[in-house]
Amino acid sequence: AYYGKTFIGYVELIADLSKKYPNNTIIVRPHPGES
């Protein structure tokens, strides 16, 4: 559950970063054990 809640928090953060910094690329690099 902890990692589930944190996962959701990071998805929200990435979306906010994309909007806040439109001139920067946001690179998301998942762990190989992730989908």
PDB file of all heavy atoms in Angstrom:
ATOM      1  N   ALA A   1       0.828  -1.212   0.000  1.00  0.00           N
ATOM      2  CA  ALA A   1       0.000   0.000   0.000  1.00  0.00           C
ATOM      3  C   ALA A   1       0.862   1.263   0.000  1.00  0.00           C
ATOM      4  O   ALA A   1       0.546   2.249  -0.685  1.00  0.00           O
ATOM      5  CB  ALA A   1      -0.923  -0.001   1.212  1.00  0.00           C
ATOM      6  N   TYR A   2       1.956   1.240   0.764  1.00  0.00           N
ATOM      7  CA  TYR A   2       2.850   2.411   0.801  1.00  0.00           C
ATOM      8  C   TYR A   2       3.373   2.736  -0.595  1.00  0.00           C
ATOM      9  O   TYR A   2       3.321   3.881  -1.042  1.00  0.00           O
ATOM     10  CB  TYR A   2       4.021   2.161   1.752  1.00  0.00           C
ATOM     11  CG  TYR A   2       5.119   3.191   1.609  1.00  0.00           C
ATOM     12  CD1 TYR A   2       5.017   4.429   2.217  1.00  0.00           C
ATOM     13  CD2 TYR A   2       6.249   2.934   0.826  1.00  0.00           C
ATOM     14  CE1 TYR A   2       6.000   5.400   2.066  1.00  0.00           C
ATOM     15  CE2 TYR A   2       7.239   3.891   0.663  1.00  0.00           C
ATOM     16  CZ  TYR A   2       7.106   5.118   1.291  1.00  0.00           C
ATOM     17  OH  TYR A   2       8.079   6.075   1.127  1.00  0.00           O
ATOM     18  N   TYR A   3       3.864   1.710  -1.281  1.00  0.00           N
ATOM     19  CA  TYR A   3       4.409   1.965  -2.619  1.00  0.00           C
ATOM     20  C   TYR A   3       3.305   2.305  -3.616  1.00  0.00           C
ATOM     21  O   TYR A   3       3.549   3.041  -4.582  1.00  0.00           O
ATOM     22  CB  TYR A   3       5.232   0.759  -3.092  1.00  0.00           C
ATOM     23  CG  TYR A   3       6.587   0.716  -2.435  1.00  0.00           C
ATOM     24  CD1 TYR A   3       6.909  -0.269  -1.505  1.00  0.00           C
ATOM     25  CD2 TYR A   3       7.540   1.685  -2.702  1.00  0.00           C
ATOM     26  CE1 TYR A   3       8.146  -0.292  -0.878  1.00  0.00           C
ATOM     27  CE2 TYR A   3       8.784   1.669  -2.085  1.00  0.00           C
ATOM     28  CZ  TYR A   3       9.080   0.684  -1.172  1.00  0.00           C
ATOM     29  OH  TYR A   3      10.295   0.677  -0.548  1.00  0.00           O
ATOM     30  N   GLY A   4       2.086   1.804  -3.377  1.00  0.00           N
ATOM     31  CA  GLY A   4       0.973   2.178  -4.231  1.00  0.00           C
ATOM     32  C   GLY A   4       0.633   3.657  -4.103  1.00  0.00           C
ATOM     33  O   GLY A   4       0.453   4.364  -5.101  1.00  0.00           O
ATOM     34  N   LYS A   5       0.574   4.148  -2.870  1.00  0.00           N
ATOM     35  CA  LYS A   5       0.279   5.561  -2.634  1.00  0.00           C
ATOM     36  C   LYS A   5       1.406   6.444  -3.168  1.00  0.00           C
ATOM     37  O   LYS A   5       1.159   7.513  -3.740  1.00  0.00           O
ATOM     38  CB  LYS A   5       0.066   5.809  -1.142  1.00  0.00           C
ATOM     39  CG  LYS A   5      -1.171   5.124  -0.579  1.00  0.00           C
ATOM     40  CD  LYS A   5      -1.234   5.256   0.942  1.00  0.00           C
ATOM     41  CE  LYS A   5      -2.419   4.496   1.522  1.00  0.00           C
ATOM     42  NZ  LYS A   5      -2.440   4.549   2.995  1.00  0.00           N
ATOM     43  N   THR A   6       2.641   5.995  -2.981  1.00  0.00           N
ATOM     44  CA  THR A   6       3.781   6.773  -3.472  1.00  0.00           C
ATOM     45  C   THR A   6       3.797   6.795  -4.998  1.00  0.00           C
ATOM     46  O   THR A   6       4.099   7.820  -5.620  1.00  0.00           O
ATOM     47  CB  THR A   6       5.101   6.189  -2.933  1.00  0.00           C
ATOM     48  OG1 THR A   6       5.020   6.083  -1.514  1.00  0.00           O
ATOM     49  CG2 THR A   6       6.275   7.090  -3.282  1.00  0.00           C
ATOM     50  N   PHE A   7       3.472   5.659  -5.603  1.00  0.00           N
ATOM     51  CA  PHE A   7       3.372   5.581  -7.064  1.00  0.00           C
ATOM     52  C   PHE A   7       2.376   6.620  -7.590  1.00  0.00           C
ATOM     53  O   PHE A   7       2.669   7.359  -8.545  1.00  0.00           O
ATOM     54  CB  PHE A   7       2.936   4.169  -7.468  1.00  0.00           C
ATOM     55  CG  PHE A   7       2.479   4.035  -8.891  1.00  0.00           C
ATOM     56  CD1 PHE A   7       3.388   3.917  -9.921  1.00  0.00           C
ATOM     57  CD2 PHE A   7       1.119   4.034  -9.195  1.00  0.00           C
ATOM     58  CE1 PHE A   7       2.970   3.804 -11.238  1.00  0.00           C
ATOM     59  CE2 PHE A   7       0.696   3.913 -10.504  1.00  0.00           C
ATOM     60  CZ  PHE A   7       1.615   3.795 -11.530  1.00  0.00           C
ATOM     61  N   ILE A   8       1.220   6.702  -6.964  1.00  0.00           N
ATOM     62  CA  ILE A   8       0.204   7.677  -7.382  1.00  0.00           C
ATOM     63  C   ILE A   8       0.733   9.099  -7.211  1.00  0.00           C
ATOM     64  O   ILE A   8       0.550   9.960  -8.082  1.00  0.00           O
ATOM     65  CB  ILE A   8      -1.094   7.475  -6.572  1.00  0.00           C
ATOM     66  CG1 ILE A   8      -1.735   6.136  -6.937  1.00  0.00           C
ATOM     67  CG2 ILE A   8      -2.072   8.622  -6.824  1.00  0.00           C
ATOM     68  CD1 ILE A   8      -2.867   5.724  -6.025  1.00  0.00           C
ATOM     69  N   GLY A   9       1.431   9.345  -6.087  1.00  0.00           N
ATOM     70  CA  GLY A   9       2.018  10.663  -5.862  1.00  0.00           C
ATOM     71  C   GLY A   9       3.014  11.047  -6.930  1.00  0.00           C
ATOM     72  O   GLY A   9       3.077  12.212  -7.353  1.00  0.00           O
ATOM     73  N   TYR A  10       3.776  10.078  -7.413  1.00  0.00           N
ATOM     74  CA  TYR A  10       4.769  10.367  -8.450  1.00  0.00           C
ATOM     75  C   TYR A  10       4.118  10.600  -9.812  1.00  0.00           C
ATOM     76  O   TYR A  10       4.571  11.442 -10.592  1.00  0.00           O
ATOM     77  CB  TYR A  10       5.804   9.235  -8.528  1.00  0.00           C
ATOM     78  CG  TYR A  10       7.040   9.560  -7.725  1.00  0.00           C
ATOM     79  CD1 TYR A  10       6.999   9.539  -6.339  1.00  0.00           C
ATOM     80  CD2 TYR A  10       8.222   9.948  -8.330  1.00  0.00           C
ATOM     81  CE1 TYR A  10       8.107   9.866  -5.582  1.00  0.00           C
ATOM     82  CE2 TYR A  10       9.342  10.275  -7.595  1.00  0.00           C
ATOM     83  CZ  TYR A  10       9.280  10.244  -6.217  1.00  0.00           C
ATOM     84  OH  TYR A  10      10.378  10.589  -5.471  1.00  0.00           O
ATOM     85  N   VAL A  11       3.072   9.863 -10.112  1.00  0.00           N
ATOM     86  CA  VAL A  11       2.344  10.103 -11.357  1.00  0.00           C
ATOM     87  C   VAL A  11       1.791  11.528 -11.370  1.00  0.00           C
ATOM     88  O   VAL A  11       1.881  12.240 -12.383  1.00  0.00           O
ATOM     89  CB  VAL A  11       1.209   9.070 -11.518  1.00  0.00           C
ATOM     90  CG1 VAL A  11       0.270   9.467 -12.657  1.00  0.00           C
ATOM     91  CG2 VAL A  11       1.782   7.684 -11.782  1.00  0.00           C
ATOM     92  N   GLU A  12       1.242  11.966 -10.241  1.00  0.00           N
ATOM     93  CA  GLU A  12       0.726  13.333 -10.135  1.00  0.00           C
ATOM     94  C   GLU A  12       1.851  14.357 -10.260  1.00  0.00           C
ATOM     95  O   GLU A  12       1.708  15.383 -10.934  1.00  0.00           O
ATOM     96  CB  GLU A  12      -0.011  13.514  -8.801  1.00  0.00           C
ATOM     97  CG  GLU A  12      -1.287  12.684  -8.700  1.00  0.00           C
ATOM     98  CD  GLU A  12      -1.915  12.724  -7.323  1.00  0.00           C
ATOM     99  OE1 GLU A  12      -1.187  13.017  -6.335  1.00  0.00           O
ATOM    100  OE2 GLU A  12      -3.119  12.452  -7.210  1.00  0.00           O
ATOM    101  N   LEU A  13       3.001  14.064  -9.629  1.00  0.00           N
ATOM    102  CA  LEU A  13       4.145  14.977  -9.702  1.00  0.00           C
ATOM    103  C   LEU A  13       4.639  15.133 -11.139  1.00  0.00           C
ATOM    104  O   LEU A  13       4.928  16.251 -11.587  1.00  0.00           O
ATOM    105  CB  LEU A  13       5.287  14.458  -8.823  1.00  0.00           C
ATOM    106  CG  LEU A  13       6.623  15.199  -8.963  1.00  0.00           C
ATOM    107  CD1 LEU A  13       6.496  16.624  -8.430  1.00  0.00           C
ATOM    108  CD2 LEU A  13       7.750  14.454  -8.256  1.00  0.00           C
ATOM    109  N   ILE A  14       4.763  14.031 -11.864  1.00  0.00           N
ATOM    110  CA  ILE A  14       5.251  14.087 -13.247  1.00  0.00           C
ATOM    111  C   ILE A  14       4.322  14.949 -14.102  1.00  0.00           C
ATOM    112  O   ILE A  14       4.778  15.760 -14.920  1.00  0.00           O
ATOM    113  CB  ILE A  14       5.378  12.660 -13.818  1.00  0.00           C
ATOM    114  CG1 ILE A  14       6.498  11.903 -13.087  1.00  0.00           C
ATOM    115  CG2 ILE A  14       5.682  12.705 -15.322  1.00  0.00           C
ATOM    116  CD1 ILE A  14       6.453  10.394 -13.283  1.00  0.00           C
ATOM    117  N   ALA A  15       3.018  14.785 -13.903  1.00  0.00           N
ATOM    118  CA  ALA A  15       2.051  15.610 -14.648  1.00  0.00           C
ATOM    119  C   ALA A  15       2.232  17.086 -14.307  1.00  0.00           C
ATOM    120  O   ALA A  15       2.211  17.953 -15.198  1.00  0.00           O
ATOM    121  CB  ALA A  15       0.629  15.160 -14.325  1.00  0.00           C
ATOM    122  N   ASP A  16       2.443  17.393 -13.024  1.00  0.00           N
ATOM    123  CA  ASP A  16       2.639  18.785 -12.600  1.00  0.00           C
ATOM    124  C   ASP A  16       3.948  19.357 -13.130  1.00  0.00           C
ATOM    125  O   ASP A  16       4.016  20.526 -13.517  1.00  0.00           O
ATOM    126  CB  ASP A  16       2.608  18.880 -11.065  1.00  0.00           C
ATOM    127  CG  ASP A  16       1.221  18.616 -10.492  1.00  0.00           C
ATOM    128  OD1 ASP A  16       0.237  18.780 -11.232  1.00  0.00           O
ATOM    129  OD2 ASP A  16       1.131  18.235  -9.304  1.00  0.00           O
ATOM    130  N   LEU A  17       4.999  18.535 -13.166  1.00  0.00           N
ATOM    131  CA  LEU A  17       6.281  18.977 -13.712  1.00  0.00           C
ATOM    132  C   LEU A  17       6.149  19.306 -15.199  1.00  0.00           C
ATOM    133  O   LEU A  17       6.723  20.283 -15.690  1.00  0.00           O
ATOM    134  CB  LEU A  17       7.345  17.891 -13.515  1.00  0.00           C
ATOM    135  CG  LEU A  17       7.892  17.691 -12.103  1.00  0.00           C
ATOM    136  CD1 LEU A  17       8.700  16.395 -12.035  1.00  0.00           C
ATOM    137  CD2 LEU A  17       8.750  18.867 -11.660  1.00  0.00           C
ATOM    138  N   SER A  18       5.404  18.466 -15.910  1.00  0.00           N
ATOM    139  CA  SER A  18       5.198  18.687 -17.340  1.00  0.00           C
ATOM    140  C   SER A  18       4.545  20.046 -17.607  1.00  0.00           C
ATOM    141  O   SER A  18       4.930  20.760 -18.534  1.00  0.00           O
ATOM    142  CB  SER A  18       4.326  17.564 -17.910  1.00  0.00           C
ATOM    143  OG  SER A  18       3.981  17.822 -19.250  1.00  0.00           O
ATOM    144  N   LYS A  19       3.583  20.407 -16.769  1.00  0.00           N
ATOM    145  CA  LYS A  19       2.885  21.683 -16.934  1.00  0.00           C
ATOM    146  C   LYS A  19       3.748  22.853 -16.476  1.00  0.00           C
ATOM    147  O   LYS A  19       3.787  23.901 -17.137  1.00  0.00           O
ATOM    148  CB  LYS A  19       1.583  21.653 -16.137  1.00  0.00           C
ATOM    149  CG  LYS A  19       0.750  22.924 -16.274  1.00  0.00           C
ATOM    150  CD  LYS A  19      -0.532  22.807 -15.479  1.00  0.00           C
ATOM    151  CE  LYS A  19      -1.367  24.078 -15.583  1.00  0.00           C
ATOM    152  NZ  LYS A  19      -2.624  23.982 -14.790  1.00  0.00           N
ATOM    153  N   LYS A  20       4.463  22.679 -15.362  1.00  0.00           N
ATOM    154  CA  LYS A  20       5.259  23.761 -14.784  1.00  0.00           C
ATOM    155  C   LYS A  20       6.472  24.098 -15.647  1.00  0.00           C
ATOM    156  O   LYS A  20       6.886  25.257 -15.743  1.00  0.00           O
ATOM    157  CB  LYS A  20       5.714  23.353 -13.380  1.00  0.00           C
ATOM    158  CG  LYS A  20       6.546  24.379 -12.627  1.00  0.00           C
ATOM    159  CD  LYS A  20       5.720  25.523 -12.116  1.00  0.00           C
ATOM    160  CE  LYS A  20       6.543  26.430 -11.218  1.00  0.00           C
ATOM    161  NZ  LYS A  20       5.750  27.577 -10.694  1.00  0.00           N
ATOM    162  N   TYR A  21       7.077  23.089 -16.282  1.00  0.00           N
ATOM    163  CA  TYR A  21       8.306  23.294 -17.057  1.00  0.00           C
ATOM    164  C   TYR A  21       8.101  22.805 -18.493  1.00  0.00           C
ATOM    165  O   TYR A  21       8.684  21.792 -18.910  1.00  0.00           O
ATOM    166  CB  TYR A  21       9.469  22.551 -16.399  1.00  0.00           C
ATOM    167  CG  TYR A  21       9.709  22.980 -14.975  1.00  0.00           C
ATOM    168  CD1 TYR A  21       9.245  22.195 -13.908  1.00  0.00           C
ATOM    169  CD2 TYR A  21      10.368  24.171 -14.672  1.00  0.00           C
ATOM    170  CE1 TYR A  21       9.448  22.594 -12.597  1.00  0.00           C
ATOM    171  CE2 TYR A  21      10.566  24.572 -13.361  1.00  0.00           C
ATOM    172  CZ  TYR A  21      10.101  23.782 -12.332  1.00  0.00           C
ATOM    173  OH  TYR A  21      10.289  24.184 -11.022  1.00  0.00           O
ATOM    174  N   PRO A  22       7.287  23.523 -19.267  1.00  0.00           N
ATOM    175  CA  PRO A  22       6.960  23.084 -20.634  1.00  0.00           C
ATOM    176  C   PRO A  22       8.160  23.079 -21.572  1.00  0.00           C
ATOM    177  O   PRO A  22       8.132  22.393 -22.602  1.00  0.00           O
ATOM    178  CB  PRO A  22       5.907  24.102 -21.086  1.00  0.00           C
ATOM    179  CG  PRO A  22       6.177  25.324 -20.253  1.00  0.00           C
ATOM    180  CD  PRO A  22       6.628  24.802 -18.917  1.00  0.00           C
ATOM    181  N   ASN A  23       9.209  23.844 -21.235  1.00  0.00           N
ATOM    182  CA  ASN A  23      10.385  23.917 -22.102  1.00  0.00           C
ATOM    183  C   ASN A  23      11.457  22.895 -21.741  1.00  0.00           C
ATOM    184  O   ASN A  23      12.511  22.841 -22.383  1.00  0.00           O
ATOM    185  CB  ASN A  23      10.980  25.323 -22.068  1.00  0.00           C
ATOM    186  CG  ASN A  23      10.025  26.366 -22.632  1.00  0.00           C
ATOM    187  OD1 ASN A  23       9.317  26.095 -23.597  1.00  0.00           O
ATOM    188  ND2 ASN A  23       9.992  27.543 -22.022  1.00  0.00           N
ATOM    189  N   ASN A  24      11.204  22.126 -20.687  1.00  0.00           N
ATOM    190  CA  ASN A  24      12.110  21.045 -20.296  1.00  0.00           C
ATOM    191  C   ASN A  24      11.466  19.700 -20.624  1.00  0.00           C
ATOM    192  O   ASN A  24      10.242  19.553 -20.575  1.00  0.00           O
ATOM    193  CB  ASN A  24      12.422  21.076 -18.799  1.00  0.00           C
ATOM    194  CG  ASN A  24      13.336  22.220 -18.406  1.00  0.00           C
ATOM    195  OD1 ASN A  24      13.032  22.976 -17.498  1.00  0.00           O
ATOM    196  ND2 ASN A  24      14.463  22.361 -19.095  1.00  0.00           N
ATOM    197  N   THR A  25      12.291  18.722 -20.942  1.00  0.00           N
ATOM    198  CA  THR A  25      11.790  17.353 -21.079  1.00  0.00           C
ATOM    199  C   THR A  25      11.793  16.699 -19.703  1.00  0.00           C
ATOM    200  O   THR A  25      12.742  16.868 -18.933  1.00  0.00           O
ATOM    201  CB  THR A  25      12.665  16.544 -22.040  1.00  0.00           C
ATOM    202  OG1 THR A  25      12.722  17.212 -23.303  1.00  0.00           O
ATOM    203  CG2 THR A  25      12.101  15.142 -22.242  1.00  0.00           C
ATOM    204  N   ILE A  26      10.751  15.972 -19.399  1.00  0.00           N
ATOM    205  CA  ILE A  26      10.694  15.177 -18.170  1.00  0.00           C
ATOM    206  C   ILE A  26      10.943  13.730 -18.576  1.00  0.00           C
ATOM    207  O   ILE A  26      10.124  13.107 -19.250  1.00  0.00           O
ATOM    208  CB  ILE A  26       9.324  15.306 -17.461  1.00  0.00           C
ATOM    209  CG1 ILE A  26       8.883  16.772 -17.367  1.00  0.00           C
ATOM    210  CG2 ILE A  26       9.379  14.632 -16.097  1.00  0.00           C
ATOM    211  CD1 ILE A  26       9.839  17.671 -16.626  1.00  0.00           C
ATOM    212  N   ILE A  27      12.088  13.210 -18.189  1.00  0.00           N
ATOM    213  CA  ILE A  27      12.442  11.827 -18.501  1.00  0.00           C
ATOM    214  C   ILE A  27      12.028  10.946 -17.331  1.00  0.00           C
ATOM    215  O   ILE A  27      12.461  11.153 -16.199  1.00  0.00           O
ATOM    216  CB  ILE A  27      13.958  11.662 -18.746  1.00  0.00           C
ATOM    217  CG1 ILE A  27      14.421  12.530 -19.923  1.00  0.00           C
ATOM    218  CG2 ILE A  27      14.308  10.192 -18.974  1.00  0.00           C
ATOM    219  CD1 ILE A  27      13.915  12.071 -21.267  1.00  0.00           C
ATOM    220  N   VAL A  28      11.192   9.960 -17.598  1.00  0.00           N
ATOM    221  CA  VAL A  28      10.768   8.996 -16.580  1.00  0.00           C
ATOM    222  C   VAL A  28      11.481   7.677 -16.862  1.00  0.00           C
ATOM    223  O   VAL A  28      11.348   7.107 -17.946  1.00  0.00           O
ATOM    224  CB  VAL A  28       9.246   8.786 -16.607  1.00  0.00           C
ATOM    225  CG1 VAL A  28       8.824   7.804 -15.515  1.00  0.00           C
ATOM    226  CG2 VAL A  28       8.515  10.114 -16.448  1.00  0.00           C
ATOM    227  N   ARG A  29      12.254   7.221 -15.880  1.00  0.00           N
ATOM    228  CA  ARG A  29      12.987   5.965 -16.046  1.00  0.00           C
ATOM    229  C   ARG A  29      12.537   4.978 -14.969  1.00  0.00           C
ATOM    230  O   ARG A  29      12.972   5.053 -13.820  1.00  0.00           O
ATOM    231  CB  ARG A  29      14.499   6.200 -15.964  1.00  0.00           C
ATOM    232  CG  ARG A  29      15.313   4.944 -16.290  1.00  0.00           C
ATOM    233  CD  ARG A  29      16.801   5.203 -16.220  1.00  0.00           C
ATOM    234  NE  ARG A  29      17.543   3.963 -16.326  1.00  0.00           N
ATOM    235  CZ  ARG A  29      18.075   3.483 -17.447  1.00  0.00           C
ATOM    236  NH1 ARG A  29      17.943   4.158 -18.564  1.00  0.00           N
ATOM    237  NH2 ARG A  29      18.746   2.345 -17.453  1.00  0.00           N
ATOM    238  N   PRO A  30      11.649   4.032 -15.304  1.00  0.00           N
ATOM    239  CA  PRO A  30      11.166   3.067 -14.320  1.00  0.00           C
ATOM    240  C   PRO A  30      12.226   2.017 -13.991  1.00  0.00           C
ATOM    241  O   PRO A  30      13.109   1.719 -14.802  1.00  0.00           O
ATOM    242  CB  PRO A  30       9.965   2.406 -15.011  1.00  0.00           C
ATOM    243  CG  PRO A  30       9.674   3.246 -16.219  1.00  0.00           C
ATOM    244  CD  PRO A  30      10.969   3.889 -16.596  1.00  0.00           C
ATOM    245  N   HIS A  31      12.122   1.463 -12.795  1.00  0.00           N
ATOM    246  CA  HIS A  31      12.954   0.328 -12.403  1.00  0.00           C
ATOM    247  C   HIS A  31      12.632  -0.854 -13.331  1.00  0.00           C
ATOM    248  O   HIS A  31      11.488  -1.008 -13.762  1.00  0.00           O
ATOM    249  CB  HIS A  31      12.651  -0.038 -10.944  1.00  0.00           C
ATOM    250  CG  HIS A  31      13.556  -1.084 -10.383  1.00  0.00           C
ATOM    251  ND1 HIS A  31      13.327  -2.433 -10.567  1.00  0.00           N
ATOM    252  CD2 HIS A  31      14.676  -0.980  -9.631  1.00  0.00           C
ATOM    253  CE1 HIS A  31      14.285  -3.116  -9.952  1.00  0.00           C
ATOM    254  NE2 HIS A  31      15.119  -2.270  -9.385  1.00  0.00           N
ATOM    255  N   PRO A  32      13.626  -1.700 -13.672  1.00  0.00           N
ATOM    256  CA  PRO A  32      13.354  -2.830 -14.570  1.00  0.00           C
ATOM    257  C   PRO A  32      12.301  -3.796 -14.048  1.00  0.00           C
ATOM    258  O   PRO A  32      11.694  -4.528 -14.832  1.00  0.00           O
ATOM    259  CB  PRO A  32      14.725  -3.514 -14.719  1.00  0.00           C
ATOM    260  CG  PRO A  32      15.572  -2.971 -13.618  1.00  0.00           C
ATOM    261  CD  PRO A  32      15.066  -1.601 -13.336  1.00  0.00           C
ATOM    262  N   GLY A  33      12.056  -3.793 -12.722  1.00  0.00           N
ATOM    263  CA  GLY A  33      11.027  -4.654 -12.153  1.00  0.00           C
ATOM    264  C   GLY A  33       9.633  -4.077 -12.258  1.00  0.00           C
ATOM    265  O   GLY A  33       8.656  -4.713 -11.855  1.00  0.00           O
ATOM    266  N   GLU A  34       9.536  -2.865 -12.800  1.00  0.00           N
ATOM    267  CA  GLU A  34       8.240  -2.214 -12.954  1.00  0.00           C
ATOM    268  C   GLU A  34       7.684  -2.391 -14.363  1.00  0.00           C
ATOM    269  O   GLU A  34       8.439  -2.549 -15.326  1.00  0.00           O
ATOM    270  CB  GLU A  34       8.366  -0.707 -12.691  1.00  0.00           C
ATOM    271  CG  GLU A  34       8.390  -0.281 -11.263  1.00  0.00           C
ATOM    272  CD  GLU A  34       8.217   1.222 -11.144  1.00  0.00           C
ATOM    273  OE1 GLU A  34       7.063   1.687 -11.191  1.00  0.00           O
ATOM    274  OE2 GLU A  34       9.240   1.922 -11.032  1.00  0.00           O
ATOM    275  N   SER A  35       6.343  -2.273 -14.457  1.00  0.00           N
ATOM    276  CA  SER A  35       5.694  -2.198 -15.758  1.00  0.00           C
ATOM    277  C   SER A  35       5.771  -0.764 -16.258  1.00  0.00           C
ATOM    278  O   SER A  35       5.306   0.156 -15.578  1.00  0.00           O
ATOM    279  CB  SER A  35       4.233  -2.628 -15.646  1.00  0.00           C
ATOM    280  OG  SER A  35       3.540  -2.367 -16.845  1.00  0.00           O
TER     281      SER A  35
END
